[in-house]
Amino acid sequence: MPNYCVFIRSKIIKSQKYYYIVKAVKEDKKPKQKVVKYLGKIEDIMRKLRIAEKEELKSLKQTRIYSHHSKED
């Protein structure tokens, strides 16, 4: 099992706040933070979440329509 903790970290660069998924690891017995994924600004994250939510709802609606039609057959 991996020996690290994953969390979201913010960093301010030129007065803009950016978010990253990072993991805490030990290298040479010293704690380090390694970036796993760049998330972007909060506006980018929220836009991606809204898109993902719409896609999920669309998928659920299609699943219900498909299962409803297949019961009638």
C-alpha atoms as a PDB file:
ATOM      1  CA  MET A   1       0.000   0.000   0.000  1.00  0.00           C
ATOM      2  CA  PRO A   2       1.404   3.462  -0.937  1.00  0.00           C
ATOM      3  CA  ASN A   3       2.741   5.550   1.901  1.00  0.00           C
ATOM      4  CA  TYR A   4       1.450   9.019   1.051  1.00  0.00           C
ATOM      5  CA  CYS A   5      -1.459  11.395   1.652  1.00  0.00           C
ATOM      6  CA  VAL A   6      -3.262  13.223  -1.187  1.00  0.00           C
ATOM      7  CA  PHE A   7      -4.823  16.665  -0.759  1.00  0.00           C
ATOM      8  CA  ILE A   8      -5.692  19.891  -2.591  1.00  0.00           C
ATOM      9  CA  ARG A   9      -3.276  22.778  -2.281  1.00  0.00           C
ATOM     10  CA  SER A  10      -3.675  26.380  -3.380  1.00  0.00           C
ATOM     11  CA  LYS A  11      -0.847  28.597  -4.525  1.00  0.00           C
ATOM     12  CA  ILE A  12      -0.935  32.336  -5.237  1.00  0.00           C
ATOM     13  CA  ILE A  13       0.993  33.394  -8.328  1.00  0.00           C
ATOM     14  CA  LYS A  14       0.874  37.039  -9.455  1.00  0.00           C
ATOM     15  CA  SER A  15      -2.201  37.654  -7.246  1.00  0.00           C
ATOM     16  CA  GLN A  16      -4.072  34.710  -8.816  1.00  0.00           C
ATOM     17  CA  LYS A  17      -4.960  31.611  -6.799  1.00  0.00           C
ATOM     18  CA  TYR A  18      -4.320  28.245  -8.471  1.00  0.00           C
ATOM     19  CA  TYR A  19      -5.190  24.775  -7.175  1.00  0.00           C
ATOM     20  CA  TYR A  20      -3.283  21.515  -7.382  1.00  0.00           C
ATOM     21  CA  ILE A  21      -3.762  17.950  -6.230  1.00  0.00           C
ATOM     22  CA  VAL A  22      -0.580  17.078  -4.383  1.00  0.00           C
ATOM     23  CA  LYS A  23       0.689  14.097  -2.455  1.00  0.00           C
ATOM     24  CA  ALA A  24       2.900  14.136   0.579  1.00  0.00           C
ATOM     25  CA  VAL A  25       5.769  11.707   0.234  1.00  0.00           C
ATOM     26  CA  LYS A  26       9.062  11.081   1.972  1.00  0.00           C
ATOM     27  CA  GLU A  27      12.290  11.290   0.012  1.00  0.00           C
ATOM     28  CA  ASP A  28      15.510  10.622   1.858  1.00  0.00           C
ATOM     29  CA  LYS A  29      13.452  10.577   5.066  1.00  0.00           C
ATOM     30  CA  LYS A  30      12.311  14.183   4.420  1.00  0.00           C
ATOM     31  CA  PRO A  31       8.718  15.212   3.710  1.00  0.00           C
ATOM     32  CA  LYS A  32       8.094  16.503   0.194  1.00  0.00           C
ATOM     33  CA  GLN A  33       5.043  17.569  -1.794  1.00  0.00           C
ATOM     34  CA  LYS A  34       4.669  16.255  -5.325  1.00  0.00           C
ATOM     35  CA  VAL A  35       2.081  17.693  -7.711  1.00  0.00           C
ATOM     36  CA  VAL A  36      -0.210  14.961  -8.997  1.00  0.00           C
ATOM     37  CA  LYS A  37      -2.499  17.155 -11.110  1.00  0.00           C
ATOM     38  CA  TYR A  38      -2.910  20.835 -11.878  1.00  0.00           C
ATOM     39  CA  LEU A  39      -6.548  21.895 -11.383  1.00  0.00           C
ATOM     40  CA  GLY A  40      -6.382  25.581 -12.337  1.00  0.00           C
ATOM     41  CA  LYS A  41      -8.225  28.595 -10.990  1.00  0.00           C
ATOM     42  CA  ILE A  42     -11.479  28.170  -9.088  1.00  0.00           C
ATOM     43  CA  GLU A  43     -13.427  29.385 -12.138  1.00  0.00           C
ATOM     44  CA  ASP A  44     -11.864  26.610 -14.238  1.00  0.00           C
ATOM     45  CA  ILE A  45     -12.656  23.998 -11.608  1.00  0.00           C
ATOM     46  CA  MET A  46     -16.278  25.142 -11.270  1.00  0.00           C
ATOM     47  CA  ARG A  47     -16.763  25.154 -15.068  1.00  0.00           C
ATOM     48  CA  LYS A  48     -15.395  21.605 -15.318  1.00  0.00           C
ATOM     49  CA  LEU A  49     -17.674  20.471 -12.486  1.00  0.00           C
ATOM     50  CA  ARG A  50     -20.744  21.996 -14.166  1.00  0.00           C
ATOM     51  CA  ILE A  51     -19.855  20.257 -17.448  1.00  0.00           C
ATOM     52  CA  ALA A  52     -19.326  16.938 -15.655  1.00  0.00           C
ATOM     53  CA  GLU A  53     -22.638  17.348 -13.825  1.00  0.00           C
ATOM     54  CA  LYS A  54     -24.505  18.002 -17.095  1.00  0.00           C
ATOM     55  CA  GLU A  55     -22.892  14.953 -18.695  1.00  0.00           C
ATOM     56  CA  GLU A  56     -23.808  12.803 -15.695  1.00  0.00           C
ATOM     57  CA  LEU A  57     -27.435  13.976 -15.800  1.00  0.00           C
ATOM     58  CA  LYS A  58     -27.589  13.332 -19.541  1.00  0.00           C
ATOM     59  CA  SER A  59     -26.190   9.842 -19.012  1.00  0.00           C
ATOM     60  CA  LEU A  60     -28.705   9.105 -16.259  1.00  0.00           C
ATOM     61  CA  LYS A  61     -31.602  10.299 -18.422  1.00  0.00           C
ATOM     62  CA  GLN A  62     -30.448   8.112 -21.319  1.00  0.00           C
ATOM     63  CA  THR A  63     -30.128   5.122 -18.996  1.00  0.00           C
ATOM     64  CA  ARG A  64     -33.664   5.643 -17.683  1.00  0.00           C
ATOM     65  CA  ILE A  65     -35.082   6.052 -21.194  1.00  0.00           C
ATOM     66  CA  TYR A  66     -33.285   2.906 -22.371  1.00  0.00           C
ATOM     67  CA  SER A  67     -34.380   0.836 -19.367  1.00  0.00           C
ATOM     68  CA  HIS A  68     -37.962   2.132 -19.703  1.00  0.00           C
ATOM     69  CA  HIS A  69     -38.154   1.120 -23.390  1.00  0.00           C
ATOM     70  CA  SER A  70     -36.620  -2.263 -22.823  1.00  0.00           C
ATOM     71  CA  LYS A  71     -39.260  -3.110 -20.170  1.00  0.00           C
ATOM     72  CA  GLU A  72     -42.047  -2.496 -22.682  1.00  0.00           C
ATOM     73  CA  ASP A  73     -40.585  -4.917 -25.230  1.00  0.00           C
END
